[in-house]
Each structure stands twice: as structure tokens, then as C-alpha cells.
Amino acid sequence: MEYGYSEKVLDVFKNPHNIGEIKDADAIGKVGNPACGDLLWMFLKIGKGRHVIEDAKVKTFGCVAAIATSSILTDMIKGKTLEDALRISKQDVVSELNGLPRQKVHCSVLAVDALKEAAYDYYTRSGISVPEDVKRAHEHNSIVAERIEHME
């Protein structure tokens, strides 16, 4: 394990999946971490009806762990309903990557928070009632976003 990273983390970092933007995205989530400077945008294409995630892409500016966790999360959510995708926890992301160094686990939270922000965007754009846990995550992410804006 180089620098405490699993082989899978290093492989996903060196060969990230689903990088870029979806031009006609149904949802966009943006989050950042002012402590480490990581920024992440998640773009979702969501099918009508059952709200299945048809496509997911990310733009991640950050460390090895931020890139690997955001990339692997896009793989994990494709084909799932938005509701099922929102059940994925930071620990699920860490486990999918065969672990992260303790000091880098916060990067998995960033990826999961970007998904929740994208879900908040989708629900509000679509006029769908926003689940309470997604509302709480959005409120927290909004406070962090204000801090980041003041740093720029």
C-alpha cells in the first residue's frame, strides 16, 4: 500500500471513471472542503418515472482520495434509483475502495455530500418534496459553501 492507499484507490485515481460534465444534466451538486481545498461537482442524468440515475459524472479538484472516492461513487450509483443511491454511506464508498488512510476518510464524505446536493437540486427543480436528510445535508453544505466563498 503506497502512502497508505490500497491498490484499488491508486488504480481508480490513475484511471478515473466518469470524469467531466453532463451538458443537459438533470441535477448538479457542488461541494467543497475549506480545510483541504478539495472541490467537487457532480452531474446526474436521471430518468423520469422511477428516477433512475442513467449517467453520473464528476469534476474533482483535489487529492488522490477525493478523485478516487468521487469516481467510484459514480460507478456505484449508475442504474440505481435516486432513493437507493442516497442510501450509500461514506463507509460504503471507503469499503468499495478497500479502505482509505484515516486522515483521508473526509474525502468520501465530500463525494456523498455532492450526491446529496445533486439530489437536492433535482428534487427542487422537479417540484418533488425534498427528504429531510437531504435538506439537512443541503443546509450544512450551504454553510460550508459560504465559508469557501469568503476565502476566495
N, C-alpha and C. Protein backbone atom coordinates (compact mmCIF):
# COMPACT_ATOMS: atom_id res chain seq x y z
N MET A 1 0.85 -1.19 0.00
CA MET A 1 0.00 0.00 0.00
C MET A 1 0.89 1.24 0.00
N GLU A 2 0.92 1.90 -1.13
CA GLU A 2 1.71 3.10 -1.31
C GLU A 2 1.05 4.28 -0.62
N TYR A 3 1.79 4.95 0.28
CA TYR A 3 1.28 6.11 1.02
C TYR A 3 0.02 5.79 1.81
N GLY A 4 -0.19 4.52 2.16
CA GLY A 4 -1.37 4.12 2.90
C GLY A 4 -2.60 3.89 2.04
N TYR A 5 -2.47 4.04 0.72
CA TYR A 5 -3.60 3.83 -0.17
C TYR A 5 -3.63 2.39 -0.66
N SER A 6 -4.82 1.82 -0.78
CA SER A 6 -4.97 0.48 -1.33
C SER A 6 -4.65 0.51 -2.82
N GLU A 7 -4.39 -0.65 -3.37
CA GLU A 7 -4.14 -0.75 -4.81
C GLU A 7 -5.35 -0.25 -5.60
N LYS A 8 -6.55 -0.53 -5.09
CA LYS A 8 -7.76 -0.12 -5.80
C LYS A 8 -7.87 1.40 -5.83
N VAL A 9 -7.57 2.07 -4.71
CA VAL A 9 -7.61 3.54 -4.68
C VAL A 9 -6.65 4.10 -5.72
N LEU A 10 -5.43 3.58 -5.75
CA LEU A 10 -4.44 4.07 -6.70
C LEU A 10 -4.84 3.80 -8.14
N ASP A 11 -5.45 2.64 -8.38
CA ASP A 11 -5.91 2.31 -9.73
C ASP A 11 -7.02 3.26 -10.18
N VAL A 12 -8.01 3.50 -9.30
CA VAL A 12 -9.10 4.40 -9.65
C VAL A 12 -8.58 5.83 -9.84
N PHE A 13 -7.63 6.24 -9.01
CA PHE A 13 -7.04 7.57 -9.14
C PHE A 13 -6.32 7.72 -10.48
N LYS A 14 -5.55 6.70 -10.86
CA LYS A 14 -4.79 6.76 -12.11
C LYS A 14 -5.68 6.60 -13.34
N ASN A 15 -6.82 5.94 -13.18
CA ASN A 15 -7.75 5.67 -14.28
C ASN A 15 -9.17 6.01 -13.84
N PRO A 16 -9.43 7.27 -13.54
CA PRO A 16 -10.77 7.62 -13.01
C PRO A 16 -11.86 7.42 -14.05
N HIS A 17 -13.03 7.10 -13.55
CA HIS A 17 -14.20 6.87 -14.40
C HIS A 17 -15.13 8.08 -14.32
N ASN A 18 -15.89 8.28 -15.38
CA ASN A 18 -17.00 9.24 -15.37
C ASN A 18 -16.55 10.66 -15.02
N ILE A 19 -15.47 11.08 -15.62
CA ILE A 19 -14.93 12.42 -15.38
C ILE A 19 -15.49 13.37 -16.43
N GLY A 20 -15.92 14.53 -15.99
CA GLY A 20 -16.42 15.55 -16.91
C GLY A 20 -17.78 16.06 -16.50
N GLU A 21 -18.46 16.67 -17.46
CA GLU A 21 -19.77 17.25 -17.21
C GLU A 21 -20.81 16.56 -18.08
N ILE A 22 -22.05 16.64 -17.64
CA ILE A 22 -23.19 16.26 -18.46
C ILE A 22 -23.85 17.59 -18.82
N LYS A 23 -23.80 17.95 -20.09
CA LYS A 23 -24.27 19.27 -20.54
C LYS A 23 -25.74 19.52 -20.22
N ASP A 24 -26.58 18.52 -20.38
CA ASP A 24 -28.01 18.68 -20.11
C ASP A 24 -28.39 17.95 -18.82
N ALA A 25 -27.57 18.09 -17.80
CA ALA A 25 -27.78 17.38 -16.54
C ALA A 25 -29.13 17.74 -15.92
N ASP A 26 -29.74 16.76 -15.30
CA ASP A 26 -30.98 16.97 -14.56
C ASP A 26 -30.69 17.45 -13.15
N ALA A 27 -29.45 17.28 -12.72
CA ALA A 27 -29.07 17.68 -11.36
C ALA A 27 -27.58 17.95 -11.31
N ILE A 28 -27.23 18.98 -10.53
CA ILE A 28 -25.82 19.32 -10.32
C ILE A 28 -25.62 19.58 -8.83
N GLY A 29 -24.60 18.97 -8.27
CA GLY A 29 -24.24 19.21 -6.88
C GLY A 29 -22.81 19.68 -6.81
N LYS A 30 -22.58 20.74 -6.03
CA LYS A 30 -21.22 21.27 -5.85
C LYS A 30 -20.94 21.35 -4.36
N VAL A 31 -19.80 20.80 -3.96
CA VAL A 31 -19.37 20.86 -2.57
C VAL A 31 -17.87 21.10 -2.52
N GLY A 32 -17.43 21.53 -1.35
CA GLY A 32 -16.01 21.75 -1.15
C GLY A 32 -15.65 21.57 0.30
N ASN A 33 -14.37 21.48 0.55
CA ASN A 33 -13.85 21.37 1.91
C ASN A 33 -12.82 22.47 2.09
N PRO A 34 -13.17 23.50 2.87
CA PRO A 34 -12.25 24.62 3.04
C PRO A 34 -10.94 24.25 3.74
N ALA A 35 -10.94 23.19 4.54
CA ALA A 35 -9.74 22.79 5.26
C ALA A 35 -8.66 22.26 4.33
N CYS A 36 -9.08 21.47 3.32
CA CYS A 36 -8.07 20.86 2.44
C CYS A 36 -8.10 21.43 1.03
N GLY A 37 -9.13 22.22 0.71
CA GLY A 37 -9.19 22.86 -0.60
C GLY A 37 -9.80 22.02 -1.71
N ASP A 38 -10.31 20.83 -1.40
CA ASP A 38 -10.94 20.00 -2.43
C ASP A 38 -12.26 20.61 -2.88
N LEU A 39 -12.55 20.53 -4.18
CA LEU A 39 -13.82 20.95 -4.76
C LEU A 39 -14.34 19.84 -5.66
N LEU A 40 -15.66 19.66 -5.66
CA LEU A 40 -16.25 18.57 -6.42
C LEU A 40 -17.60 18.99 -6.96
N TRP A 41 -17.80 18.74 -8.24
CA TRP A 41 -19.10 18.92 -8.89
C TRP A 41 -19.57 17.55 -9.35
N MET A 42 -20.85 17.24 -9.08
CA MET A 42 -21.44 16.00 -9.56
C MET A 42 -22.60 16.35 -10.48
N PHE A 43 -22.64 15.69 -11.63
CA PHE A 43 -23.68 15.90 -12.64
C PHE A 43 -24.45 14.59 -12.81
N LEU A 44 -25.77 14.67 -12.77
CA LEU A 44 -26.60 13.48 -12.92
C LEU A 44 -27.60 13.63 -14.05
N LYS A 45 -27.79 12.55 -14.78
CA LYS A 45 -28.87 12.42 -15.76
C LYS A 45 -29.82 11.39 -15.15
N ILE A 46 -31.06 11.81 -14.91
CA ILE A 46 -32.00 10.98 -14.18
C ILE A 46 -33.22 10.71 -15.04
N GLY A 47 -33.55 9.44 -15.19
CA GLY A 47 -34.72 9.05 -15.96
C GLY A 47 -36.01 9.39 -15.25
N LYS A 48 -36.97 9.80 -15.99
CA LYS A 48 -38.27 10.13 -15.40
C LYS A 48 -38.96 8.86 -14.94
N GLY A 49 -39.99 9.01 -14.15
CA GLY A 49 -40.71 7.84 -13.65
C GLY A 49 -40.13 7.37 -12.34
N ARG A 50 -39.28 6.36 -12.38
CA ARG A 50 -38.69 5.79 -11.16
C ARG A 50 -37.47 6.57 -10.68
N HIS A 51 -37.07 7.60 -11.40
CA HIS A 51 -35.92 8.44 -11.03
C HIS A 51 -34.63 7.63 -10.96
N VAL A 52 -34.36 6.86 -12.02
CA VAL A 52 -33.15 6.05 -12.11
C VAL A 52 -32.01 6.91 -12.64
N ILE A 53 -30.86 6.80 -12.02
CA ILE A 53 -29.67 7.54 -12.44
C ILE A 53 -29.11 6.84 -13.68
N GLU A 54 -29.27 7.50 -14.81
CA GLU A 54 -28.82 6.93 -16.08
C GLU A 54 -27.35 7.23 -16.35
N ASP A 55 -26.89 8.38 -15.86
CA ASP A 55 -25.49 8.75 -16.06
C ASP A 55 -25.05 9.63 -14.89
N ALA A 56 -23.79 9.56 -14.56
CA ALA A 56 -23.21 10.37 -13.49
C ALA A 56 -21.78 10.70 -13.87
N LYS A 57 -21.43 11.96 -13.71
CA LYS A 57 -20.06 12.40 -13.99
C LYS A 57 -19.63 13.36 -12.88
N VAL A 58 -18.32 13.48 -12.71
CA VAL A 58 -17.78 14.38 -11.69
C VAL A 58 -16.62 15.19 -12.25
N LYS A 59 -16.47 16.36 -11.70
CA LYS A 59 -15.27 17.17 -11.89
C LYS A 59 -14.72 17.36 -10.49
N THR A 60 -13.56 16.82 -10.25
CA THR A 60 -12.98 16.85 -8.91
C THR A 60 -11.62 17.51 -8.95
N PHE A 61 -11.45 18.50 -8.10
CA PHE A 61 -10.16 19.15 -7.93
C PHE A 61 -9.74 18.85 -6.51
N GLY A 62 -8.79 17.91 -6.38
CA GLY A 62 -8.40 17.52 -5.04
C GLY A 62 -7.34 16.44 -5.06
N CYS A 63 -7.22 15.79 -3.92
CA CYS A 63 -6.19 14.80 -3.70
C CYS A 63 -6.57 13.44 -4.29
N VAL A 64 -5.67 12.49 -4.12
CA VAL A 64 -5.88 11.12 -4.60
C VAL A 64 -7.21 10.57 -4.09
N ALA A 65 -7.47 10.73 -2.80
CA ALA A 65 -8.68 10.17 -2.19
C ALA A 65 -9.94 10.86 -2.72
N ALA A 66 -9.90 12.16 -2.90
CA ALA A 66 -11.07 12.88 -3.41
C ALA A 66 -11.42 12.41 -4.82
N ILE A 67 -10.43 12.24 -5.65
CA ILE A 67 -10.66 11.79 -7.02
C ILE A 67 -11.15 10.35 -7.03
N ALA A 68 -10.52 9.49 -6.25
CA ALA A 68 -10.91 8.08 -6.23
C ALA A 68 -12.32 7.89 -5.66
N THR A 69 -12.65 8.58 -4.57
CA THR A 69 -13.97 8.39 -3.97
C THR A 69 -15.08 8.94 -4.86
N SER A 70 -14.85 10.07 -5.49
CA SER A 70 -15.90 10.62 -6.36
C SER A 70 -16.07 9.75 -7.60
N SER A 71 -14.98 9.24 -8.15
CA SER A 71 -15.06 8.37 -9.32
C SER A 71 -15.80 7.08 -8.99
N ILE A 72 -15.43 6.44 -7.89
CA ILE A 72 -16.05 5.15 -7.55
C ILE A 72 -17.52 5.33 -7.19
N LEU A 73 -17.87 6.47 -6.60
CA LEU A 73 -19.27 6.70 -6.27
C LEU A 73 -20.12 6.79 -7.54
N THR A 74 -19.59 7.40 -8.59
CA THR A 74 -20.37 7.46 -9.83
C THR A 74 -20.64 6.05 -10.36
N ASP A 75 -19.67 5.16 -10.23
CA ASP A 75 -19.88 3.76 -10.64
C ASP A 75 -20.96 3.11 -9.78
N MET A 76 -20.94 3.40 -8.49
CA MET A 76 -21.85 2.77 -7.54
C MET A 76 -23.30 3.21 -7.74
N ILE A 77 -23.52 4.43 -8.24
CA ILE A 77 -24.89 4.95 -8.31
C ILE A 77 -25.57 4.75 -9.66
N LYS A 78 -24.80 4.55 -10.71
CA LYS A 78 -25.40 4.37 -12.04
C LYS A 78 -26.33 3.16 -12.04
N GLY A 79 -27.55 3.38 -12.56
CA GLY A 79 -28.53 2.31 -12.63
C GLY A 79 -29.40 2.18 -11.39
N LYS A 80 -29.06 2.90 -10.34
CA LYS A 80 -29.86 2.88 -9.11
C LYS A 80 -30.90 4.00 -9.16
N THR A 81 -31.98 3.82 -8.42
CA THR A 81 -32.90 4.93 -8.25
C THR A 81 -32.20 5.97 -7.38
N LEU A 82 -32.62 7.21 -7.49
CA LEU A 82 -32.02 8.26 -6.66
C LEU A 82 -32.18 7.91 -5.19
N GLU A 83 -33.34 7.38 -4.83
CA GLU A 83 -33.60 7.00 -3.44
C GLU A 83 -32.59 5.95 -2.95
N ASP A 84 -32.34 4.93 -3.78
CA ASP A 84 -31.36 3.89 -3.40
C ASP A 84 -29.94 4.45 -3.35
N ALA A 85 -29.60 5.32 -4.30
CA ALA A 85 -28.26 5.92 -4.32
C ALA A 85 -28.01 6.72 -3.05
N LEU A 86 -29.04 7.40 -2.56
CA LEU A 86 -28.88 8.23 -1.36
C LEU A 86 -28.66 7.40 -0.09
N ARG A 87 -28.87 6.11 -0.17
CA ARG A 87 -28.60 5.22 0.97
C ARG A 87 -27.12 4.86 1.08
N ILE A 88 -26.35 5.18 0.06
CA ILE A 88 -24.92 4.87 0.08
C ILE A 88 -24.24 5.80 1.08
N SER A 89 -23.49 5.22 1.98
CA SER A 89 -22.81 5.99 3.03
C SER A 89 -21.33 6.18 2.68
N LYS A 90 -20.71 7.07 3.44
CA LYS A 90 -19.26 7.26 3.24
C LYS A 90 -18.52 5.95 3.49
N GLN A 91 -18.99 5.16 4.46
CA GLN A 91 -18.33 3.89 4.75
C GLN A 91 -18.48 2.92 3.58
N ASP A 92 -19.62 2.96 2.89
CA ASP A 92 -19.81 2.13 1.70
C ASP A 92 -18.77 2.49 0.63
N VAL A 93 -18.53 3.79 0.47
CA VAL A 93 -17.56 4.26 -0.53
C VAL A 93 -16.16 3.81 -0.14
N VAL A 94 -15.81 3.99 1.13
CA VAL A 94 -14.50 3.57 1.63
C VAL A 94 -14.32 2.06 1.44
N SER A 95 -15.33 1.30 1.76
CA SER A 95 -15.25 -0.16 1.62
C SER A 95 -15.09 -0.57 0.16
N GLU A 96 -15.79 0.11 -0.73
CA GLU A 96 -15.69 -0.20 -2.17
C GLU A 96 -14.26 0.01 -2.68
N LEU A 97 -13.54 0.91 -2.04
CA LEU A 97 -12.15 1.20 -2.43
C LEU A 97 -11.14 0.38 -1.62
N ASN A 98 -11.62 -0.56 -0.82
CA ASN A 98 -10.76 -1.38 0.04
C ASN A 98 -10.02 -0.54 1.07
N GLY A 99 -10.67 0.53 1.53
CA GLY A 99 -10.13 1.34 2.61
C GLY A 99 -9.44 2.61 2.15
N LEU A 100 -9.33 3.54 3.09
CA LEU A 100 -8.60 4.79 2.90
C LEU A 100 -7.79 5.06 4.16
N PRO A 101 -6.70 5.78 4.05
CA PRO A 101 -6.00 6.21 5.26
C PRO A 101 -6.96 7.04 6.11
N ARG A 102 -6.89 6.88 7.42
CA ARG A 102 -7.82 7.56 8.33
C ARG A 102 -7.93 9.06 8.06
N GLN A 103 -6.82 9.70 7.78
CA GLN A 103 -6.83 11.15 7.56
C GLN A 103 -7.45 11.55 6.23
N LYS A 104 -7.82 10.59 5.40
CA LYS A 104 -8.42 10.88 4.10
C LYS A 104 -9.89 10.46 4.00
N VAL A 105 -10.45 9.92 5.08
CA VAL A 105 -11.85 9.47 5.05
C VAL A 105 -12.79 10.64 4.78
N HIS A 106 -12.42 11.85 5.17
CA HIS A 106 -13.29 13.01 4.93
C HIS A 106 -13.56 13.21 3.43
N CYS A 107 -12.69 12.71 2.58
CA CYS A 107 -12.89 12.83 1.13
C CYS A 107 -14.09 12.02 0.66
N SER A 108 -14.36 10.89 1.34
CA SER A 108 -15.53 10.10 0.97
C SER A 108 -16.81 10.84 1.35
N VAL A 109 -16.75 11.62 2.42
CA VAL A 109 -17.90 12.44 2.81
C VAL A 109 -18.18 13.48 1.72
N LEU A 110 -17.14 14.03 1.16
CA LEU A 110 -17.29 15.04 0.11
C LEU A 110 -18.04 14.45 -1.09
N ALA A 111 -17.70 13.26 -1.50
CA ALA A 111 -18.38 12.63 -2.63
C ALA A 111 -19.85 12.37 -2.31
N VAL A 112 -20.13 11.84 -1.13
CA VAL A 112 -21.51 11.57 -0.73
C VAL A 112 -22.29 12.88 -0.59
N ASP A 113 -21.64 13.92 -0.08
CA ASP A 113 -22.31 15.23 0.03
C ASP A 113 -22.63 15.81 -1.34
N ALA A 114 -21.76 15.60 -2.32
CA ALA A 114 -22.04 16.08 -3.67
C ALA A 114 -23.27 15.37 -4.25
N LEU A 115 -23.40 14.09 -3.97
CA LEU A 115 -24.58 13.35 -4.40
C LEU A 115 -25.83 13.94 -3.75
N LYS A 116 -25.76 14.22 -2.48
CA LYS A 116 -26.93 14.80 -1.78
C LYS A 116 -27.26 16.19 -2.32
N GLU A 117 -26.25 16.97 -2.66
CA GLU A 117 -26.50 18.29 -3.25
C GLU A 117 -27.16 18.15 -4.62
N ALA A 118 -26.70 17.18 -5.40
CA ALA A 118 -27.32 16.95 -6.71
C ALA A 118 -28.76 16.49 -6.52
N ALA A 119 -29.01 15.64 -5.53
CA ALA A 119 -30.38 15.20 -5.26
C ALA A 119 -31.25 16.38 -4.85
N TYR A 120 -30.72 17.26 -4.01
CA TYR A 120 -31.46 18.46 -3.60
C TYR A 120 -31.82 19.29 -4.82
N ASP A 121 -30.86 19.47 -5.71
CA ASP A 121 -31.08 20.22 -6.93
C ASP A 121 -32.17 19.56 -7.78
N TYR A 122 -32.10 18.25 -7.92
CA TYR A 122 -33.09 17.52 -8.72
C TYR A 122 -34.49 17.65 -8.12
N TYR A 123 -34.60 17.41 -6.83
CA TYR A 123 -35.91 17.47 -6.19
C TYR A 123 -36.51 18.88 -6.31
N THR A 124 -35.71 19.91 -6.08
CA THR A 124 -36.26 21.26 -6.15
C THR A 124 -36.61 21.66 -7.58
N ARG A 125 -35.77 21.29 -8.54
CA ARG A 125 -36.07 21.57 -9.95
C ARG A 125 -37.35 20.87 -10.40
N SER A 126 -37.57 19.66 -9.88
CA SER A 126 -38.70 18.84 -10.32
C SER A 126 -39.97 19.09 -9.51
N GLY A 127 -39.87 19.91 -8.48
CA GLY A 127 -41.04 20.17 -7.64
C GLY A 127 -41.41 19.00 -6.76
N ILE A 128 -40.43 18.15 -6.45
CA ILE A 128 -40.64 16.98 -5.61
C ILE A 128 -40.23 17.34 -4.19
N SER A 129 -41.00 16.88 -3.21
CA SER A 129 -40.69 17.13 -1.81
C SER A 129 -39.29 16.58 -1.48
N VAL A 130 -38.47 17.42 -0.86
CA VAL A 130 -37.09 17.04 -0.54
C VAL A 130 -37.08 16.26 0.78
N PRO A 131 -36.51 15.05 0.78
CA PRO A 131 -36.41 14.28 2.02
C PRO A 131 -35.64 15.05 3.10
N GLU A 132 -36.01 14.85 4.36
CA GLU A 132 -35.41 15.60 5.47
C GLU A 132 -33.90 15.45 5.55
N ASP A 133 -33.37 14.24 5.34
CA ASP A 133 -31.92 14.07 5.43
C ASP A 133 -31.19 14.83 4.33
N VAL A 134 -31.81 14.94 3.16
CA VAL A 134 -31.22 15.69 2.06
C VAL A 134 -31.28 17.19 2.37
N LYS A 135 -32.37 17.64 2.97
CA LYS A 135 -32.49 19.05 3.40
C LYS A 135 -31.40 19.40 4.40
N ARG A 136 -31.22 18.53 5.40
CA ARG A 136 -30.20 18.79 6.44
C ARG A 136 -28.80 18.85 5.82
N ALA A 137 -28.53 17.92 4.92
CA ALA A 137 -27.22 17.92 4.25
C ALA A 137 -27.04 19.20 3.44
N HIS A 138 -28.08 19.65 2.76
CA HIS A 138 -28.01 20.88 1.98
C HIS A 138 -27.75 22.09 2.88
N GLU A 139 -28.42 22.15 4.00
CA GLU A 139 -28.20 23.27 4.94
C GLU A 139 -26.75 23.29 5.41
N HIS A 140 -26.22 22.13 5.75
CA HIS A 140 -24.81 22.05 6.18
C HIS A 140 -23.88 22.45 5.03
N ASN A 141 -24.13 21.92 3.85
CA ASN A 141 -23.28 22.22 2.70
C ASN A 141 -23.34 23.69 2.33
N SER A 142 -24.48 24.33 2.54
CA SER A 142 -24.62 25.76 2.25
C SER A 142 -23.74 26.59 3.17
N ILE A 143 -23.65 26.20 4.43
CA ILE A 143 -22.79 26.90 5.39
C ILE A 143 -21.33 26.77 4.97
N VAL A 144 -20.93 25.56 4.58
CA VAL A 144 -19.55 25.33 4.13
C VAL A 144 -19.29 26.12 2.86
N ALA A 145 -20.25 26.17 1.94
CA ALA A 145 -20.07 26.91 0.68
C ALA A 145 -19.86 28.40 0.95
N GLU A 146 -20.56 28.95 1.93
CA GLU A 146 -20.36 30.36 2.29
C GLU A 146 -18.94 30.60 2.78
N ARG A 147 -18.43 29.68 3.58
CA ARG A 147 -17.05 29.81 4.07
C ARG A 147 -16.05 29.79 2.91
N ILE A 148 -16.30 28.91 1.95
CA ILE A 148 -15.40 28.80 0.79
C ILE A 148 -15.44 30.11 -0.02
N GLU A 149 -16.62 30.66 -0.24
CA GLU A 149 -16.76 31.90 -1.00
C GLU A 149 -16.02 33.05 -0.32
N HIS A 150 -16.04 33.08 1.00
CA HIS A 150 -15.34 34.15 1.72
C HIS A 150 -13.83 33.99 1.66
N MET A 151 -13.38 32.77 1.38
CA MET A 151 -11.93 32.52 1.28
C MET A 151 -11.40 32.92 -0.10
N GLU A 152 -12.26 32.98 -1.10
CA GLU A 152 -11.81 33.26 -2.47
C GLU A 152 -11.49 34.73 -2.65
